[in-house]
Amino acid sequence: MQLLYRIGKITLGNVLMLGWRPKVEGLENVPTTSGVILAGNHLSVADEIFLGAVLPRQISFWAKAEYFTGKGFKGWLTRTVVTQLGAIRVERSGGRAALTAFENAIPVLRKGGVVAIFPEGTRSPDGRLYRGRTGVVRLAVAAGVPVVPVGIIGTDKVQPIGARVPRLKVGAITIRFGKPLDFTGRATDRDGLRAMTNELMAEIQKLTGQEYVDAYSPRRTW
């Protein structure tokens, strides 16, 4: 665990754990030393910070490329912070540039790291679970690591879309980690990737109890 991330765990992480007291289930399903992808539903910007607070391992999240290219002192500071936090650079221009985010995640996973991804691609606009994008299973197969489905409940009540900071609601959040899914050796053509992604989303739905929508979320952030 990198120093800045460790400091964040001790400070902000403990504040979140003591202040909101999130309920955690199935933590034993997350490997303790090997590479793994955490794939969860996405209700709020608070999902990342609470996921980071409850997991004892360092998690690598995505960060837009602009955070890595800023100029001057502010740019240096931002670049240093996101790098120390283990963030993975993602280009939001689409096309080949966007694929570099997955390419950058493969070495992290092969070295035994943890990468968190929200398969819906953006926050749910209405609390329902939307169709997953196939990038998660593509990455899992390419890196040769399992995927642990994650069900996040209550973060949309603690920090709704548009809210700047989380509201103090003790015990309102539950985070459930499901059994690891191994997709290695499976067909990776278009139909195969869709089938594996549907299996993953079904497992996430079991953990959250959300209504499922077989369509992509109408809102995207990258």
Protein backbone atom coordinates (compact mmCIF):
# COMPACT_ATOMS: atom_id res chain seq x y z
CA MET A 1 0.00 0.00 0.00
CA GLN A 2 1.48 3.34 -1.04
CA LEU A 3 2.14 5.93 1.68
CA LEU A 4 -0.48 8.50 0.68
CA TYR A 5 -3.13 5.80 0.30
CA ARG A 6 -2.21 4.45 3.74
CA ILE A 7 -2.52 7.93 5.24
CA GLY A 8 -5.94 8.27 3.61
CA LYS A 9 -7.02 4.95 5.10
CA ILE A 10 -5.94 6.02 8.57
CA THR A 11 -7.58 9.46 8.34
CA LEU A 12 -10.54 9.62 5.94
CA GLY A 13 -11.07 5.86 6.00
CA ASN A 14 -11.47 5.75 9.77
CA VAL A 15 -13.77 8.79 9.71
CA LEU A 16 -16.04 7.00 7.23
CA MET A 17 -16.00 3.74 9.17
CA LEU A 18 -16.69 5.39 12.52
CA GLY A 19 -19.10 8.05 11.26
CA TRP A 20 -21.26 6.00 8.90
CA ARG A 21 -20.55 2.46 10.15
CA PRO A 22 -21.13 0.71 6.83
CA LYS A 23 -22.17 -2.92 7.04
CA VAL A 24 -19.73 -5.21 5.20
CA GLU A 25 -20.54 -8.76 4.07
CA GLY A 26 -18.45 -11.35 2.23
CA LEU A 27 -15.09 -9.65 2.65
CA GLU A 28 -13.51 -13.10 2.80
CA ASN A 29 -14.35 -13.50 -0.91
CA VAL A 30 -11.72 -10.93 -1.89
CA PRO A 31 -8.24 -12.47 -2.39
CA THR A 32 -5.75 -11.09 0.12
CA THR A 33 -2.63 -10.98 -2.08
CA SER A 34 -3.40 -11.84 -5.72
CA GLY A 35 -4.77 -9.67 -8.52
CA VAL A 36 -8.53 -9.19 -8.66
CA ILE A 37 -11.15 -6.95 -10.25
CA LEU A 38 -13.95 -5.58 -8.09
CA ALA A 39 -17.04 -4.98 -10.24
CA GLY A 40 -19.93 -3.19 -8.58
CA ASN A 41 -23.10 -1.28 -9.21
CA HIS A 42 -22.73 2.49 -9.25
CA LEU A 43 -25.16 4.68 -7.31
CA SER A 44 -23.10 7.62 -6.10
CA VAL A 45 -19.70 9.32 -6.21
CA ALA A 46 -19.42 8.05 -2.63
CA ASP A 47 -19.15 4.46 -3.89
CA GLU A 48 -15.40 4.74 -4.41
CA ILE A 49 -14.53 6.24 -1.04
CA PHE A 50 -16.63 3.78 0.94
CA LEU A 51 -15.32 0.84 -1.08
CA GLY A 52 -11.79 2.04 -0.36
CA ALA A 53 -12.60 2.46 3.33
CA VAL A 54 -13.94 -1.06 3.90
CA LEU A 55 -11.29 -2.99 1.95
CA PRO A 56 -7.93 -3.50 3.71
CA ARG A 57 -6.09 -3.59 0.37
CA GLN A 58 -5.24 -0.65 -1.89
CA ILE A 59 -7.68 -0.20 -4.77
CA SER A 60 -6.78 1.35 -8.11
CA PHE A 61 -9.57 3.46 -9.56
CA TRP A 62 -9.79 5.31 -12.89
CA ALA A 63 -8.79 8.98 -13.13
CA LYS A 64 -9.18 11.25 -16.14
CA ALA A 65 -6.00 11.99 -18.10
CA GLU A 66 -6.12 15.71 -17.25
CA TYR A 67 -5.13 14.89 -13.67
CA PHE A 68 -1.81 13.56 -14.95
CA THR A 69 -0.93 16.43 -17.29
CA GLY A 70 -1.55 19.64 -15.34
CA LYS A 71 1.00 22.46 -15.40
CA GLY A 72 2.67 24.39 -12.60
CA PHE A 73 2.57 23.63 -8.89
CA LYS A 74 -1.12 22.73 -8.88
CA GLY A 75 -0.61 20.33 -11.77
CA TRP A 76 2.39 18.74 -10.05
CA LEU A 77 0.45 18.37 -6.80
CA THR A 78 -2.56 16.79 -8.50
CA ARG A 79 -0.34 14.46 -10.52
CA THR A 80 1.55 13.41 -7.39
CA VAL A 81 -1.63 12.73 -5.43
CA VAL A 82 -3.37 10.63 -8.10
CA THR A 83 -0.16 8.70 -8.77
CA GLN A 84 0.37 7.97 -5.07
CA LEU A 85 -3.24 6.84 -4.83
CA GLY A 86 -2.53 4.29 -7.58
CA ALA A 87 -4.99 5.83 -10.03
CA ILE A 88 -5.16 4.45 -13.57
CA ARG A 89 -5.11 7.06 -16.32
CA VAL A 90 -8.08 7.04 -18.67
CA GLU A 91 -8.46 9.06 -21.86
CA ARG A 92 -12.04 10.23 -22.36
CA SER A 93 -11.68 11.10 -26.05
CA GLY A 94 -12.94 7.67 -27.06
CA GLY A 95 -11.60 5.26 -29.67
CA ARG A 96 -8.11 3.83 -29.30
CA ALA A 97 -7.17 6.38 -26.63
CA ALA A 98 -9.86 5.10 -24.27
CA LEU A 99 -8.50 1.54 -24.55
CA THR A 100 -5.24 2.60 -22.89
CA ALA A 101 -7.04 2.61 -19.53
CA PHE A 102 -7.52 -1.14 -19.77
CA GLU A 103 -4.00 -1.65 -21.05
CA ASN A 104 -2.66 0.33 -18.09
CA ALA A 105 -4.71 -1.81 -15.68
CA ILE A 106 -3.29 -5.14 -16.86
CA PRO A 107 0.18 -4.69 -15.27
CA VAL A 108 -1.47 -3.60 -12.00
CA LEU A 109 -3.53 -6.79 -11.90
CA ARG A 110 -0.68 -9.06 -12.94
CA LYS A 111 1.44 -7.65 -10.12
CA GLY A 112 -1.27 -8.65 -7.65
CA GLY A 113 -3.18 -5.37 -7.44
CA VAL A 114 -6.87 -4.61 -7.02
CA VAL A 115 -8.76 -2.67 -9.70
CA ALA A 116 -12.32 -1.44 -9.19
CA ILE A 117 -14.67 -0.96 -12.14
CA PHE A 118 -18.33 -0.05 -12.42
CA PRO A 119 -19.62 -2.07 -15.41
CA GLU A 120 -22.60 0.23 -15.98
CA GLY A 121 -20.11 2.92 -17.05
CA THR A 122 -21.74 5.68 -15.02
CA ARG A 123 -23.96 6.24 -12.01
CA SER A 124 -27.49 4.94 -12.18
CA PRO A 125 -29.86 7.89 -12.69
CA ASP A 126 -32.75 6.22 -10.87
CA GLY A 127 -31.40 3.53 -8.56
CA ARG A 128 -31.94 0.67 -10.98
CA LEU A 129 -29.19 -1.64 -12.26
CA TYR A 130 -28.40 -1.13 -15.93
CA ARG A 131 -26.81 -3.35 -18.56
CA GLY A 132 -23.10 -3.91 -18.06
CA ARG A 133 -20.41 -3.07 -20.59
CA THR A 134 -18.11 -5.87 -21.62
CA GLY A 135 -14.83 -4.14 -20.73
CA VAL A 136 -14.72 -5.76 -17.28
CA VAL A 137 -14.62 -9.33 -18.56
CA ARG A 138 -12.29 -8.33 -21.40
CA LEU A 139 -9.85 -7.04 -18.80
CA ALA A 140 -10.28 -10.07 -16.54
CA VAL A 141 -9.52 -12.49 -19.37
CA ALA A 142 -6.56 -10.42 -20.61
CA ALA A 143 -5.00 -10.18 -17.13
CA GLY A 144 -5.95 -13.70 -16.06
CA VAL A 145 -7.61 -12.63 -12.80
CA PRO A 146 -11.01 -13.31 -11.20
CA VAL A 147 -13.83 -10.81 -10.87
CA VAL A 148 -15.51 -10.30 -7.50
CA PRO A 149 -19.03 -8.89 -7.88
CA VAL A 150 -19.84 -6.11 -5.41
CA GLY A 151 -23.25 -4.93 -4.30
CA ILE A 152 -23.38 -1.38 -2.93
CA ILE A 153 -26.52 -0.31 -1.12
CA GLY A 154 -27.46 3.06 0.38
CA THR A 155 -24.79 5.39 -1.00
CA ASP A 156 -27.41 7.14 -3.14
CA LYS A 157 -29.23 8.07 0.07
CA VAL A 158 -26.03 9.21 1.81
CA GLN A 159 -24.76 11.22 -1.17
CA PRO A 160 -27.38 11.65 -3.91
CA ILE A 161 -26.44 12.89 -7.37
CA GLY A 162 -25.66 16.60 -7.05
CA ALA A 163 -24.75 16.52 -3.34
CA ARG A 164 -21.26 17.82 -2.59
CA VAL A 165 -20.61 15.84 0.60
CA PRO A 166 -22.07 12.68 2.17
CA ARG A 167 -24.92 13.07 4.63
CA LEU A 168 -24.41 11.51 8.05
CA LYS A 169 -26.71 8.49 8.13
CA VAL A 170 -25.21 5.87 10.42
CA GLY A 171 -25.70 2.31 9.22
CA ALA A 172 -27.34 3.33 5.94
CA ILE A 173 -24.67 1.73 3.74
CA THR A 174 -24.15 -1.96 3.04
CA ILE A 175 -21.36 -3.34 0.86
CA ARG A 176 -21.53 -7.02 -0.15
CA PHE A 177 -18.74 -8.95 -1.83
CA GLY A 178 -19.86 -11.99 -3.81
CA LYS A 179 -18.02 -15.17 -4.76
CA PRO A 180 -15.18 -14.69 -7.30
CA LEU A 181 -16.05 -15.38 -10.94
CA ASP A 182 -13.40 -17.02 -13.13
CA PHE A 183 -13.84 -16.26 -16.83
CA THR A 184 -10.55 -17.71 -18.06
CA GLY A 185 -10.89 -20.20 -20.88
CA ARG A 186 -14.28 -18.87 -21.95
CA ALA A 187 -15.13 -17.78 -25.49
CA THR A 188 -14.19 -14.13 -26.03
CA ASP A 189 -16.14 -13.43 -29.20
CA ARG A 190 -18.94 -10.90 -29.09
CA ASP A 191 -21.55 -13.37 -27.86
CA GLY A 192 -19.19 -14.85 -25.30
CA LEU A 193 -18.28 -11.49 -23.81
CA ARG A 194 -21.93 -10.52 -23.60
CA ALA A 195 -22.84 -13.80 -21.90
CA MET A 196 -20.09 -13.41 -19.29
CA THR A 197 -21.05 -9.79 -18.66
CA ASN A 198 -24.69 -10.77 -18.20
CA GLU A 199 -23.62 -13.41 -15.67
CA LEU A 200 -21.66 -10.79 -13.77
CA MET A 201 -24.56 -8.34 -13.71
CA ALA A 202 -26.88 -11.10 -12.51
CA GLU A 203 -24.55 -11.74 -9.56
CA ILE A 204 -24.43 -8.02 -8.75
CA GLN A 205 -28.22 -7.89 -8.86
CA LYS A 206 -28.43 -10.79 -6.38
CA LEU A 207 -26.28 -8.77 -3.98
CA THR A 208 -28.24 -5.51 -4.32
CA GLY A 209 -31.82 -6.56 -5.07
CA GLN A 210 -32.07 -3.76 -7.65
CA GLU A 211 -34.51 -3.82 -10.52
CA TYR A 212 -32.57 -4.71 -13.68
CA VAL A 213 -32.86 -2.74 -16.92
CA ASP A 214 -31.61 -4.54 -20.05
CA ALA A 215 -30.36 -1.32 -21.62
CA TYR A 216 -27.31 0.87 -21.14
CA SER A 217 -27.59 3.66 -18.63
CA PRO A 218 -28.64 6.91 -20.36
CA ARG A 219 -25.94 8.90 -18.56
CA ARG A 220 -22.19 8.41 -19.04
CA THR A 221 -19.23 10.16 -17.42
CA TRP A 222 -16.47 8.68 -19.62
